[in-house]
Structures are given as C-alpha cells and as structure tokens.
Amino acid sequence: MTKARGAPRRSCAALRELALQALAAALALGVWFLWNNFSSAVWPFDFFLCCLIGIAARLLARIFRSPPWWQVIHLFFAPALFLALFWQSRLGFSPFWSLAAFLLLWLLFRGAPSGQAPLYLSGESAARSASTLLPQGAALLDVGAGIGSFLLPLSRMRPDMTLTGIENAPALWVLGKIRLALSGKAGRNVRWQMGNFWQIPWAKYDAIYCFLSPAPMPAVWEKARMEMRPGSLVISKAFPIPGIAAVTRFKASSATDTLYMYTVQKTCI
C-alpha cells in the first residue's frame, strides 16, 4: 500500500507538540520549585502553576513555529484540565462523566489528529459547484467525509458518478451511514468507508475532494501527485494548496465557500 511521504511528518508533528507541552510542564515545575525554595513568598501548587505551564507551552510553541491552533491549545490545555478537575471535585461529579466526555470526544473527533482537521461540514453549495467541474462518470473520493454533507447532495446531482466517502471518527461514520440508508435512491452511487484516508491508495480515483485545514494541504498534494493519474483532479474547499496555482477557482461570498481545483500533471518518482 502506497503512503504519502507526508505521513511520517504528521506523526512527528503531533509528537513534537506533546513534547513541547511536557517540556513546558517541566520548566514551570522547575521555576515553581526554585521560587518556593529560595524566596520568602510561596506560590501555590494549583491554578497559578497550570497557567504558568500554559504560558510556557505557548511561548515554546511560538519559538518552534507551531501552527496557530496548536499555540492556542498549548496556552489553554493545562488551565482547562485544572478547572475540569476542580469543578469535578467541587460539585461531586463521578469520574464516569469525565470518561463519558472523553469517549464522546473520541467518537466525534478521532480523525482530527491524523487528518489535521477539525469537523467541517461542506454543505450543498460546495456539491453544486463541484458537480460542474467533474467529468462524466468520474470516480471521486471525499477524504474526511464527515456525515456525508457533501456526497449526499452530489449523488443527487450526479448519479453518473461513483462516489466514495472515508471517515475516521466512529460517531460521524455512523451518522453518515444512517443518512445514506435514509436517502433512498440518492445514495445508491455512494460507498461509505471507515478508515484513515492517508492509509489508502488514491490511484483508482479521478478526483479527490477535501475540506480539511491549511496544515495538511501540502501533504494532500504530494500524495495526489505520487498516486493519482495525470489529469486527475484535487478539489479543496476553503484551503488552497500553498505554492500551487489553482486551474479553477469558484469564488463564493465567503472564503469558506470558495473551491480550489488543481490538476495532477505528473506523478512523483
């Protein structure tokens, strides 16, 4: 199975962010220890320390040029964790609710770390614009298909196409499966698949559709060039591929509704 060269970098990037958070915690604990041992004023081991960890993590993330959303996560992670544990103990919540909240987040956002994208819903307008770009009988893969908000409208508009959606989050995959089952004839040309879109080959598809985030777009283009046939299409909603000129751009009223289409010219060796 062919994998994009960007896949190891994505794993390393996630590990790097975890390492930055751990380093920030170690630095903050070191500062707290030195202050409390060599100063008459004592810093409490509580929310203040968690805020110090957040500030240190944010500074480290900025120094190492982490993406903006990671910098925000670093800033608020430790304080948010403290507040969650504090209110759980203060209100007498059972640890079961924390476990339930974690499981719910995992079911909804399992694919976010590997796909480097939050949950975005495309909507019918994207399907309508894309339907005019795609050739007759094309096979299209929607990477990070969510609940089928792009594929279901497209299947109604283009019954001639073969459509595949792949989603890594279990809850979203189930919701999409239910929507397909209730759609009747509209979803007959849609194949609904669960998995990681980085780990499947793209060679058999004529077009790839994605609504991800700025971070994975270079790796998306790299994987498309490595695996897809010349003349295949990559269609991205809202997020262009940096450094690559789009052959077609559907500019909508808002930036999040803009579609960028790219043509694969040649495969990489």
C-alpha atoms as a PDB file:
ATOM      1  CA  MET A   1       0.000   0.000   0.000  1.00  0.00           C
ATOM      2  CA  THR A   2       1.446   3.351  -1.017  1.00  0.00           C
ATOM      3  CA  LYS A   3       1.612   6.099   1.564  1.00  0.00           C
ATOM      4  CA  ALA A   4       2.307   9.750   1.097  1.00  0.00           C
ATOM      5  CA  ARG A   5       5.714  10.944   2.163  1.00  0.00           C
ATOM      6  CA  GLY A   6       3.975  13.486   4.386  1.00  0.00           C
ATOM      7  CA  ALA A   7       2.565  10.799   6.702  1.00  0.00           C
ATOM      8  CA  PRO A   8       5.671  10.426   8.902  1.00  0.00           C
ATOM      9  CA  ARG A   9       5.927  14.189   9.214  1.00  0.00           C
ATOM     10  CA  ARG A  10       2.347  14.355  10.513  1.00  0.00           C
ATOM     11  CA  SER A  11       3.105  11.782  13.213  1.00  0.00           C
ATOM     12  CA  CYS A  12       6.331  13.564  14.140  1.00  0.00           C
ATOM     13  CA  ALA A  13       4.494  16.896  14.311  1.00  0.00           C
ATOM     14  CA  ALA A  14       1.957  15.525  16.791  1.00  0.00           C
ATOM     15  CA  LEU A  15       4.724  14.006  18.916  1.00  0.00           C
ATOM     16  CA  ARG A  16       6.588  17.301  18.821  1.00  0.00           C
ATOM     17  CA  GLU A  17       3.561  19.169  20.198  1.00  0.00           C
ATOM     18  CA  LEU A  18       3.245  16.627  23.010  1.00  0.00           C
ATOM     19  CA  ALA A  19       6.944  17.050  23.723  1.00  0.00           C
ATOM     20  CA  LEU A  20       6.542  20.850  23.878  1.00  0.00           C
ATOM     21  CA  GLN A  21       3.710  20.509  26.414  1.00  0.00           C
ATOM     22  CA  ALA A  22       5.822  18.133  28.513  1.00  0.00           C
ATOM     23  CA  LEU A  23       8.837  20.471  28.316  1.00  0.00           C
ATOM     24  CA  ALA A  24       6.674  23.423  29.364  1.00  0.00           C
ATOM     25  CA  ALA A  25       5.397  21.458  32.371  1.00  0.00           C
ATOM     26  CA  ALA A  26       8.961  20.551  33.355  1.00  0.00           C
ATOM     27  CA  LEU A  27      10.131  24.173  33.028  1.00  0.00           C
ATOM     28  CA  ALA A  28       7.168  25.514  35.005  1.00  0.00           C
ATOM     29  CA  LEU A  29       7.671  22.939  37.757  1.00  0.00           C
ATOM     30  CA  GLY A  30      11.360  23.859  37.874  1.00  0.00           C
ATOM     31  CA  VAL A  31      10.578  27.564  38.235  1.00  0.00           C
ATOM     32  CA  TRP A  32       7.957  26.792  40.902  1.00  0.00           C
ATOM     33  CA  PHE A  33      10.426  24.619  42.847  1.00  0.00           C
ATOM     34  CA  LEU A  34      13.247  27.188  42.721  1.00  0.00           C
ATOM     35  CA  TRP A  35      10.942  30.056  43.699  1.00  0.00           C
ATOM     36  CA  ASN A  36       9.436  28.235  46.671  1.00  0.00           C
ATOM     37  CA  ASN A  37      12.846  27.137  47.925  1.00  0.00           C
ATOM     38  CA  PHE A  38      14.722  30.421  47.540  1.00  0.00           C
ATOM     39  CA  SER A  39      12.009  33.032  48.078  1.00  0.00           C
ATOM     40  CA  SER A  40      10.011  34.041  51.114  1.00  0.00           C
ATOM     41  CA  ALA A  41       6.825  34.221  49.040  1.00  0.00           C
ATOM     42  CA  VAL A  42       5.276  30.853  48.251  1.00  0.00           C
ATOM     43  CA  TRP A  43       3.497  30.091  45.013  1.00  0.00           C
ATOM     44  CA  PRO A  44       0.564  27.720  45.428  1.00  0.00           C
ATOM     45  CA  PHE A  45       0.617  24.454  43.564  1.00  0.00           C
ATOM     46  CA  ASP A  46      -2.708  24.984  41.812  1.00  0.00           C
ATOM     47  CA  PHE A  47      -4.283  27.047  39.062  1.00  0.00           C
ATOM     48  CA  PHE A  48      -1.394  29.517  39.077  1.00  0.00           C
ATOM     49  CA  LEU A  49       1.073  26.768  38.199  1.00  0.00           C
ATOM     50  CA  CYS A  50      -1.233  25.485  35.436  1.00  0.00           C
ATOM     51  CA  CYS A  51      -1.403  28.986  33.969  1.00  0.00           C
ATOM     52  CA  LEU A  52       2.398  29.148  34.095  1.00  0.00           C
ATOM     53  CA  ILE A  53       2.557  25.838  32.205  1.00  0.00           C
ATOM     54  CA  GLY A  54       0.149  27.218  29.595  1.00  0.00           C
ATOM     55  CA  ILE A  55       2.195  30.390  29.096  1.00  0.00           C
ATOM     56  CA  ALA A  56       5.443  28.425  28.834  1.00  0.00           C
ATOM     57  CA  ALA A  57       3.893  25.998  26.338  1.00  0.00           C
ATOM     58  CA  ARG A  58       2.546  28.880  24.265  1.00  0.00           C
ATOM     59  CA  LEU A  59       5.974  30.549  24.154  1.00  0.00           C
ATOM     60  CA  LEU A  60       7.701  27.301  23.211  1.00  0.00           C
ATOM     61  CA  ALA A  61       5.128  26.661  20.501  1.00  0.00           C
ATOM     62  CA  ARG A  62       5.754  30.128  19.096  1.00  0.00           C
ATOM     63  CA  ILE A  63       9.530  29.668  19.201  1.00  0.00           C
ATOM     64  CA  PHE A  64       9.257  26.341  17.366  1.00  0.00           C
ATOM     65  CA  ARG A  65       6.713  27.801  14.916  1.00  0.00           C
ATOM     66  CA  SER A  66       3.819  25.518  15.713  1.00  0.00           C
ATOM     67  CA  PRO A  67       0.586  26.177  13.765  1.00  0.00           C
ATOM     68  CA  PRO A  68      -1.645  28.885  15.327  1.00  0.00           C
ATOM     69  CA  TRP A  69      -4.293  26.426  16.546  1.00  0.00           C
ATOM     70  CA  TRP A  70      -1.637  24.402  18.350  1.00  0.00           C
ATOM     71  CA  GLN A  71      -0.426  27.547  20.079  1.00  0.00           C
ATOM     72  CA  VAL A  72      -3.953  28.176  21.369  1.00  0.00           C
ATOM     73  CA  ILE A  73      -4.242  24.560  22.553  1.00  0.00           C
ATOM     74  CA  HIS A  74      -0.910  24.818  24.372  1.00  0.00           C
ATOM     75  CA  LEU A  75      -1.995  28.016  26.137  1.00  0.00           C
ATOM     76  CA  PHE A  76      -5.287  26.675  27.487  1.00  0.00           C
ATOM     77  CA  PHE A  77      -4.672  22.941  27.915  1.00  0.00           C
ATOM     78  CA  ALA A  78      -3.221  22.887  31.445  1.00  0.00           C
ATOM     79  CA  PRO A  79      -5.579  25.571  32.897  1.00  0.00           C
ATOM     80  CA  ALA A  80      -8.589  23.858  31.314  1.00  0.00           C
ATOM     81  CA  LEU A  81      -7.519  20.497  32.731  1.00  0.00           C
ATOM     82  CA  PHE A  82      -7.167  22.007  36.212  1.00  0.00           C
ATOM     83  CA  LEU A  83     -10.580  23.677  36.048  1.00  0.00           C
ATOM     84  CA  ALA A  84     -12.211  20.466  34.868  1.00  0.00           C
ATOM     85  CA  LEU A  85     -10.721  18.501  37.760  1.00  0.00           C
ATOM     86  CA  PHE A  86     -11.522  21.308  40.229  1.00  0.00           C
ATOM     87  CA  TRP A  87     -15.188  21.531  39.322  1.00  0.00           C
ATOM     88  CA  GLN A  88     -15.486  17.769  39.239  1.00  0.00           C
ATOM     89  CA  SER A  89     -14.293  17.556  42.847  1.00  0.00           C
ATOM     90  CA  ARG A  90     -16.228  20.656  43.964  1.00  0.00           C
ATOM     91  CA  LEU A  91     -19.546  19.505  42.517  1.00  0.00           C
ATOM     92  CA  GLY A  92     -19.024  15.883  43.358  1.00  0.00           C
ATOM     93  CA  PHE A  93     -19.201  14.612  39.786  1.00  0.00           C
ATOM     94  CA  SER A  94     -18.493  10.959  39.301  1.00  0.00           C
ATOM     95  CA  PRO A  95     -15.300  10.182  37.308  1.00  0.00           C
ATOM     96  CA  PHE A  96     -17.686   8.315  35.000  1.00  0.00           C
ATOM     97  CA  TRP A  97     -18.750  11.632  33.461  1.00  0.00           C
ATOM     98  CA  SER A  98     -15.159  12.544  32.629  1.00  0.00           C
ATOM     99  CA  LEU A  99     -14.714   9.165  30.974  1.00  0.00           C
ATOM    100  CA  ALA A 100     -18.001   9.619  29.103  1.00  0.00           C
ATOM    101  CA  ALA A 101     -16.941  13.071  27.886  1.00  0.00           C
ATOM    102  CA  PHE A 102     -13.601  11.679  26.703  1.00  0.00           C
ATOM    103  CA  LEU A 103     -15.286   8.821  24.846  1.00  0.00           C
ATOM    104  CA  LEU A 104     -17.735  11.214  23.197  1.00  0.00           C
ATOM    105  CA  LEU A 105     -14.901  13.472  22.012  1.00  0.00           C
ATOM    106  CA  TRP A 106     -13.005  10.431  20.731  1.00  0.00           C
ATOM    107  CA  LEU A 107     -16.045   9.179  18.819  1.00  0.00           C
ATOM    108  CA  LEU A 108     -16.581  12.598  17.223  1.00  0.00           C
ATOM    109  CA  PHE A 109     -13.004  13.756  16.621  1.00  0.00           C
ATOM    110  CA  ARG A 110     -10.907  10.613  16.370  1.00  0.00           C
ATOM    111  CA  GLY A 111      -9.683  11.596  12.897  1.00  0.00           C
ATOM    112  CA  ALA A 112      -8.701  15.165  13.789  1.00  0.00           C
ATOM    113  CA  PRO A 113      -5.097  14.476  14.930  1.00  0.00           C
ATOM    114  CA  SER A 114      -4.171  12.275  11.946  1.00  0.00           C
ATOM    115  CA  GLY A 115      -6.143  14.301   9.416  1.00  0.00           C
ATOM    116  CA  GLN A 116      -5.077  17.630  10.943  1.00  0.00           C
ATOM    117  CA  ALA A 117      -8.566  18.998  10.523  1.00  0.00           C
ATOM    118  CA  PRO A 118     -11.482  19.797  12.801  1.00  0.00           C
ATOM    119  CA  LEU A 119     -15.056  18.862  11.924  1.00  0.00           C
ATOM    120  CA  TYR A 120     -16.225  20.942   8.952  1.00  0.00           C
ATOM    121  CA  LEU A 121     -19.472  20.338   7.082  1.00  0.00           C
ATOM    122  CA  SER A 122     -19.340  21.138   3.367  1.00  0.00           C
ATOM    123  CA  GLY A 123     -22.999  21.672   2.532  1.00  0.00           C
ATOM    124  CA  GLU A 124     -24.963  21.640  -0.683  1.00  0.00           C
ATOM    125  CA  SER A 125     -23.365  24.757  -2.205  1.00  0.00           C
ATOM    126  CA  ALA A 126     -19.981  23.010  -2.409  1.00  0.00           C
ATOM    127  CA  ALA A 127     -21.581  19.989  -4.044  1.00  0.00           C
ATOM    128  CA  ARG A 128     -23.353  22.192  -6.580  1.00  0.00           C
ATOM    129  CA  SER A 129     -20.107  23.954  -7.560  1.00  0.00           C
ATOM    130  CA  ALA A 130     -18.117  20.719  -7.696  1.00  0.00           C
ATOM    131  CA  SER A 131     -20.749  18.993  -9.835  1.00  0.00           C
ATOM    132  CA  THR A 132     -19.967  21.403 -12.681  1.00  0.00           C
ATOM    133  CA  LEU A 133     -16.225  20.648 -12.510  1.00  0.00           C
ATOM    134  CA  LEU A 134     -16.295  16.865 -12.593  1.00  0.00           C
ATOM    135  CA  PRO A 135     -16.263  14.832 -15.837  1.00  0.00           C
ATOM    136  CA  GLN A 136     -18.941  12.318 -16.793  1.00  0.00           C
ATOM    137  CA  GLY A 137     -18.713   9.040 -14.898  1.00  0.00           C
ATOM    138  CA  ALA A 138     -15.860  10.208 -12.667  1.00  0.00           C
ATOM    139  CA  ALA A 139     -14.876   8.309  -9.536  1.00  0.00           C
ATOM    140  CA  LEU A 140     -14.479  10.694  -6.599  1.00  0.00           C
ATOM    141  CA  LEU A 141     -13.118  10.187  -3.089  1.00  0.00           C
ATOM    142  CA  ASP A 142     -14.206  12.546  -0.303  1.00  0.00           C
ATOM    143  CA  VAL A 143     -11.407  12.453   2.286  1.00  0.00           C
ATOM    144  CA  GLY A 144     -12.716  13.190   5.756  1.00  0.00           C
ATOM    145  CA  ALA A 145     -16.335  12.788   4.608  1.00  0.00           C
ATOM    146  CA  GLY A 146     -17.915  13.663   7.969  1.00  0.00           C
ATOM    147  CA  ILE A 147     -21.631  12.833   7.895  1.00  0.00           C
ATOM    148  CA  GLY A 148     -21.919  12.912   4.102  1.00  0.00           C
ATOM    149  CA  SER A 149     -22.906  16.577   3.819  1.00  0.00           C
ATOM    150  CA  PHE A 150     -21.004  16.838   0.517  1.00  0.00           C
ATOM    151  CA  LEU A 151     -21.505  13.397  -1.012  1.00  0.00           C
ATOM    152  CA  LEU A 152     -25.253  13.101  -0.498  1.00  0.00           C
ATOM    153  CA  PRO A 153     -26.152  16.295  -2.401  1.00  0.00           C
ATOM    154  CA  LEU A 154     -23.566  15.450  -5.067  1.00  0.00           C
ATOM    155  CA  SER A 155     -25.037  11.974  -5.524  1.00  0.00           C
ATOM    156  CA  ARG A 156     -28.423  13.526  -6.278  1.00  0.00           C
ATOM    157  CA  MET A 157     -26.918  15.974  -8.768  1.00  0.00           C
ATOM    158  CA  ARG A 158     -24.537  13.489 -10.437  1.00  0.00           C
ATOM    159  CA  PRO A 159     -25.981   9.950 -10.415  1.00  0.00           C
ATOM    160  CA  ASP A 160     -23.495   9.077 -13.188  1.00  0.00           C
ATOM    161  CA  MET A 161     -20.548   9.316 -10.792  1.00  0.00           C
ATOM    162  CA  THR A 162     -19.057   6.716  -8.461  1.00  0.00           C
ATOM    163  CA  LEU A 163     -18.648   8.351  -5.066  1.00  0.00           C
ATOM    164  CA  THR A 164     -16.691   7.153  -2.043  1.00  0.00           C
ATOM    165  CA  GLY A 165     -16.542   8.760   1.369  1.00  0.00           C
ATOM    166  CA  ILE A 166     -13.998   7.832   4.033  1.00  0.00           C
ATOM    167  CA  GLU A 167     -14.312   8.945   7.651  1.00  0.00           C
ATOM    168  CA  ASN A 168     -12.143   8.062  10.637  1.00  0.00           C
ATOM    169  CA  ALA A 169     -14.387   9.211  13.517  1.00  0.00           C
ATOM    170  CA  PRO A 170     -16.763   6.380  14.532  1.00  0.00           C
ATOM    171  CA  ALA A 171     -19.702   8.600  15.534  1.00  0.00           C
ATOM    172  CA  LEU A 172     -19.563  10.614  12.313  1.00  0.00           C
ATOM    173  CA  TRP A 173     -19.250   7.439  10.246  1.00  0.00           C
ATOM    174  CA  VAL A 174     -22.383   6.000  11.908  1.00  0.00           C
ATOM    175  CA  LEU A 175     -24.340   9.231  11.359  1.00  0.00           C
ATOM    176  CA  GLY A 176     -23.272   9.276   7.712  1.00  0.00           C
ATOM    177  CA  LYS A 177     -24.249   5.622   7.316  1.00  0.00           C
ATOM    178  CA  ILE A 178     -27.695   6.367   8.741  1.00  0.00           C
ATOM    179  CA  ARG A 179     -28.137   9.351   6.424  1.00  0.00           C
ATOM    180  CA  LEU A 180     -27.195   7.199   3.447  1.00  0.00           C
ATOM    181  CA  ALA A 181     -29.645   4.481   4.490  1.00  0.00           C
ATOM    182  CA  LEU A 182     -32.432   7.059   4.741  1.00  0.00           C
ATOM    183  CA  SER A 183     -31.571   8.795   1.471  1.00  0.00           C
ATOM    184  CA  GLY A 184     -33.097   6.110  -0.758  1.00  0.00           C
ATOM    185  CA  LYS A 185     -32.095   6.308  -4.411  1.00  0.00           C
ATOM    186  CA  ALA A 186     -29.958   9.404  -3.854  1.00  0.00           C
ATOM    187  CA  GLY A 187     -27.209   7.490  -2.105  1.00  0.00           C
ATOM    188  CA  ARG A 188     -27.028   4.401  -4.299  1.00  0.00           C
ATOM    189  CA  ASN A 189     -23.857   5.544  -6.020  1.00  0.00           C
ATOM    190  CA  VAL A 190     -22.122   6.308  -2.690  1.00  0.00           C
ATOM    191  CA  ARG A 191     -19.764   3.884  -0.968  1.00  0.00           C
ATOM    192  CA  TRP A 192     -19.300   4.706   2.728  1.00  0.00           C
ATOM    193  CA  GLN A 193     -15.981   3.620   4.196  1.00  0.00           C
ATOM    194  CA  MET A 194     -14.408   3.914   7.638  1.00  0.00           C
ATOM    195  CA  GLY A 195     -10.669   4.472   7.922  1.00  0.00           C
ATOM    196  CA  ASN A 196      -7.758   6.875   7.611  1.00  0.00           C
ATOM    197  CA  PHE A 197      -7.591   8.479   4.165  1.00  0.00           C
ATOM    198  CA  TRP A 198      -3.801   8.765   4.387  1.00  0.00           C
ATOM    199  CA  GLN A 199      -3.528   4.986   4.578  1.00  0.00           C
ATOM    200  CA  ILE A 200      -5.487   4.055   1.446  1.00  0.00           C
ATOM    201  CA  PRO A 201      -4.327   4.373  -2.190  1.00  0.00           C
ATOM    202  CA  TRP A 202      -5.853   7.130  -4.308  1.00  0.00           C
ATOM    203  CA  ALA A 203      -4.789   5.719  -7.678  1.00  0.00           C
ATOM    204  CA  LYS A 204      -8.235   4.458  -8.746  1.00  0.00           C
ATOM    205  CA  TYR A 205      -9.964   7.822  -8.282  1.00  0.00           C
ATOM    206  CA  ASP A 206     -10.385  10.539 -10.899  1.00  0.00           C
ATOM    207  CA  ALA A 207     -10.898  13.251  -8.279  1.00  0.00           C
ATOM    208  CA  ILE A 208     -10.264  13.925  -4.606  1.00  0.00           C
ATOM    209  CA  TYR A 209     -12.430  16.313  -2.605  1.00  0.00           C
ATOM    210  CA  CYS A 210     -11.309  17.674   0.762  1.00  0.00           C
ATOM    211  CA  PHE A 211     -12.386  20.245   3.343  1.00  0.00           C
ATOM    212  CA  LEU A 212      -9.584  19.957   5.895  1.00  0.00           C
ATOM    213  CA  SER A 213      -7.357  22.800   7.144  1.00  0.00           C
ATOM    214  CA  PRO A 214      -4.263  24.638   5.877  1.00  0.00           C
ATOM    215  CA  ALA A 215      -1.860  22.230   7.637  1.00  0.00           C
ATOM    216  CA  PRO A 216      -2.328  19.020   5.600  1.00  0.00           C
ATOM    217  CA  MET A 217      -2.760  20.597   2.156  1.00  0.00           C
ATOM    218  CA  PRO A 218       0.893  20.211   1.042  1.00  0.00           C
ATOM    219  CA  ALA A 219       0.765  16.509   2.020  1.00  0.00           C
ATOM    220  CA  VAL A 220      -2.551  16.094   0.195  1.00  0.00           C
ATOM    221  CA  TRP A 221      -0.972  17.447  -2.980  1.00  0.00           C
ATOM    222  CA  GLU A 222       2.123  15.291  -2.515  1.00  0.00           C
ATOM    223  CA  LYS A 223       0.049  12.136  -2.084  1.00  0.00           C
ATOM    224  CA  ALA A 224      -2.115  13.022  -5.108  1.00  0.00           C
ATOM    225  CA  ARG A 225       0.966  13.579  -7.300  1.00  0.00           C
ATOM    226  CA  MET A 226       2.519  10.311  -6.154  1.00  0.00           C
ATOM    227  CA  GLU A 227      -0.530   8.111  -6.590  1.00  0.00           C
ATOM    228  CA  MET A 228      -3.103   9.615  -8.968  1.00  0.00           C
ATOM    229  CA  ARG A 229      -3.076   9.511 -12.761  1.00  0.00           C
ATOM    230  CA  PRO A 230      -2.079  12.617 -14.729  1.00  0.00           C
ATOM    231  CA  GLY A 231      -5.174  14.712 -15.381  1.00  0.00           C
ATOM    232  CA  SER A 232      -6.820  13.723 -12.101  1.00  0.00           C
ATOM    233  CA  LEU A 233      -8.378  16.472 -10.025  1.00  0.00           C
ATOM    234  CA  VAL A 234      -7.879  17.680  -6.476  1.00  0.00           C
ATOM    235  CA  ILE A 235     -10.705  19.901  -5.225  1.00  0.00           C
ATOM    236  CA  SER A 236     -10.275  21.699  -1.913  1.00  0.00           C
ATOM    237  CA  LYS A 237     -12.866  23.794  -0.157  1.00  0.00           C
ATOM    238  CA  ALA A 238     -11.650  26.980   1.582  1.00  0.00           C
ATOM    239  CA  PHE A 239      -7.985  25.969   1.879  1.00  0.00           C
ATOM    240  CA  PRO A 240      -5.711  26.342  -1.173  1.00  0.00           C
ATOM    241  CA  ILE A 241      -2.546  24.344  -1.696  1.00  0.00           C
ATOM    242  CA  PRO A 242       0.336  26.715  -0.905  1.00  0.00           C
ATOM    243  CA  GLY A 243       2.631  27.450  -3.825  1.00  0.00           C
ATOM    244  CA  ILE A 244       0.382  25.752  -6.396  1.00  0.00           C
ATOM    245  CA  ALA A 245      -1.795  27.745  -8.783  1.00  0.00           C
ATOM    246  CA  ALA A 246      -5.375  26.506  -8.982  1.00  0.00           C
ATOM    247  CA  VAL A 247      -6.599  25.889 -12.543  1.00  0.00           C
ATOM    248  CA  THR A 248     -10.136  26.790 -11.463  1.00  0.00           C
ATOM    249  CA  ARG A 249     -11.400  28.799  -8.546  1.00  0.00           C
ATOM    250  CA  PHE A 250     -15.041  29.128  -7.619  1.00  0.00           C
ATOM    251  CA  LYS A 251     -15.048  32.272  -5.506  1.00  0.00           C
ATOM    252  CA  ALA A 252     -18.117  32.441  -3.295  1.00  0.00           C
ATOM    253  CA  SER A 253     -19.489  35.119  -0.980  1.00  0.00           C
ATOM    254  CA  SER A 254     -17.306  33.873   1.877  1.00  0.00           C
ATOM    255  CA  ALA A 255     -13.805  32.413   1.965  1.00  0.00           C
ATOM    256  CA  THR A 256     -15.044  29.163   3.493  1.00  0.00           C
ATOM    257  CA  ASP A 257     -17.275  28.518   0.464  1.00  0.00           C
ATOM    258  CA  THR A 258     -14.521  29.007  -2.139  1.00  0.00           C
ATOM    259  CA  LEU A 259     -13.486  25.912  -4.108  1.00  0.00           C
ATOM    260  CA  TYR A 260      -9.975  25.430  -5.500  1.00  0.00           C
ATOM    261  CA  MET A 261      -9.393  22.854  -8.240  1.00  0.00           C
ATOM    262  CA  TYR A 262      -5.964  21.500  -9.188  1.00  0.00           C
ATOM    263  CA  THR A 263      -4.935  19.125 -11.981  1.00  0.00           C
ATOM    264  CA  VAL A 264      -2.326  16.430 -11.327  1.00  0.00           C
ATOM    265  CA  GLN A 265       0.261  16.875 -14.071  1.00  0.00           C
ATOM    266  CA  LYS A 266       2.664  14.059 -13.351  1.00  0.00           C
ATOM    267  CA  THR A 267       3.477  11.535 -10.675  1.00  0.00           C
ATOM    268  CA  CYS A 268       6.490  11.799  -8.417  1.00  0.00           C
ATOM    269  CA  ILE A 269       9.297   9.313  -8.612  1.00  0.00           C
END
